[in-house]
Structures are given as structure tokens and as C-alpha cells.
Amino acid sequence: MLSLAVTMLILALIAALLGFGGLAGSFVSFAQILFFVFIVLFLISAVASAFRGRPPV
């Protein structure tokens, strides 16, 4: 999922360089949403594994 966010960010940079401002803005917002979803899922996974007693990997 993080790779998808990075891909959207790269596409946004390319679109911005080519002058597609509206498309670049939508790619950036989509990348931000994916990044924050990734962070939330990571934190949920870390807390769940901490409660199960597993050491972090």
C-alpha cells in the first residue's frame, strides 16, 4: 500500500511538471489519503501484536 502512495506521488510530480495542475492535485490528495491509511493500519498492527506479546520485528 505504501508503494501505491509513492507511485501516486511520483505521478503527481510528473503531471505537475507537464502542466496538468488539476490532475497533479488529485494525485497528491490520493497519495496523502493512502499514506495516512497505511500509517493507521501500521499502528493498529503494532498495538495488536504488542497486546499478543510478540516482540516487534
Protein backbone atom coordinates (compact mmCIF):
# COMPACT_ATOMS: atom_id res chain seq x y z
CA MET A 1 0.00 0.00 0.00
CA LEU A 2 2.88 2.31 0.70
CA SER A 3 4.25 1.64 -2.76
CA LEU A 4 0.91 2.72 -4.23
CA ALA A 5 1.12 6.00 -2.30
CA VAL A 6 4.67 6.59 -3.56
CA THR A 7 3.55 5.78 -7.12
CA MET A 8 0.73 8.34 -6.89
CA LEU A 9 3.19 10.92 -5.58
CA ILE A 10 5.56 10.29 -8.49
CA LEU A 11 2.68 10.53 -10.97
CA ALA A 12 1.65 13.81 -9.35
CA LEU A 13 5.16 15.21 -9.76
CA ILE A 14 5.27 14.19 -13.41
CA ALA A 15 1.81 15.67 -14.06
CA ALA A 16 2.85 18.91 -12.35
CA LEU A 17 6.00 19.16 -14.48
CA LEU A 18 3.92 18.68 -17.64
CA GLY A 19 1.46 21.38 -16.61
CA PHE A 20 -1.54 19.26 -15.62
CA GLY A 21 -2.28 21.08 -12.36
CA GLY A 22 -5.71 19.61 -11.68
CA LEU A 23 -4.56 16.07 -12.29
CA ALA A 24 -1.49 16.60 -10.14
CA GLY A 25 -3.64 17.89 -7.28
CA SER A 26 -5.88 14.86 -7.38
CA PHE A 27 -2.88 12.50 -7.45
CA VAL A 28 -1.38 14.28 -4.44
CA SER A 29 -4.60 14.08 -2.43
CA PHE A 30 -4.98 10.39 -3.28
CA ALA A 31 -1.36 9.74 -2.24
CA GLN A 32 -1.93 11.55 1.06
CA ILE A 33 -5.03 9.51 1.81
CA LEU A 34 -3.22 6.25 1.04
CA PHE A 35 -0.25 7.28 3.18
CA PHE A 36 -2.40 8.07 6.22
CA VAL A 37 -4.39 4.84 5.80
CA PHE A 38 -1.07 2.98 5.72
CA ILE A 39 0.10 4.70 8.91
CA VAL A 40 -3.17 3.91 10.73
CA LEU A 41 -3.05 0.25 9.67
CA PHE A 42 0.57 0.02 10.76
CA LEU A 43 -0.23 1.45 14.20
CA ILE A 44 -3.19 -0.91 14.64
CA SER A 45 -0.96 -3.84 13.70
CA ALA A 46 1.77 -2.74 16.11
CA VAL A 47 -0.67 -2.33 19.02
CA ALA A 48 -2.34 -5.67 18.31
CA SER A 49 0.98 -7.51 18.23
CA ALA A 50 2.05 -5.76 21.45
CA PHE A 51 -1.08 -6.98 23.21
CA ARG A 52 -0.44 -10.54 21.99
CA GLY A 53 3.04 -10.42 23.49
CA ARG A 54 5.01 -10.75 20.30
CA PRO A 55 8.21 -8.73 20.01
CA PRO A 56 8.29 -6.20 17.16
CA VAL A 57 10.02 -7.43 14.04
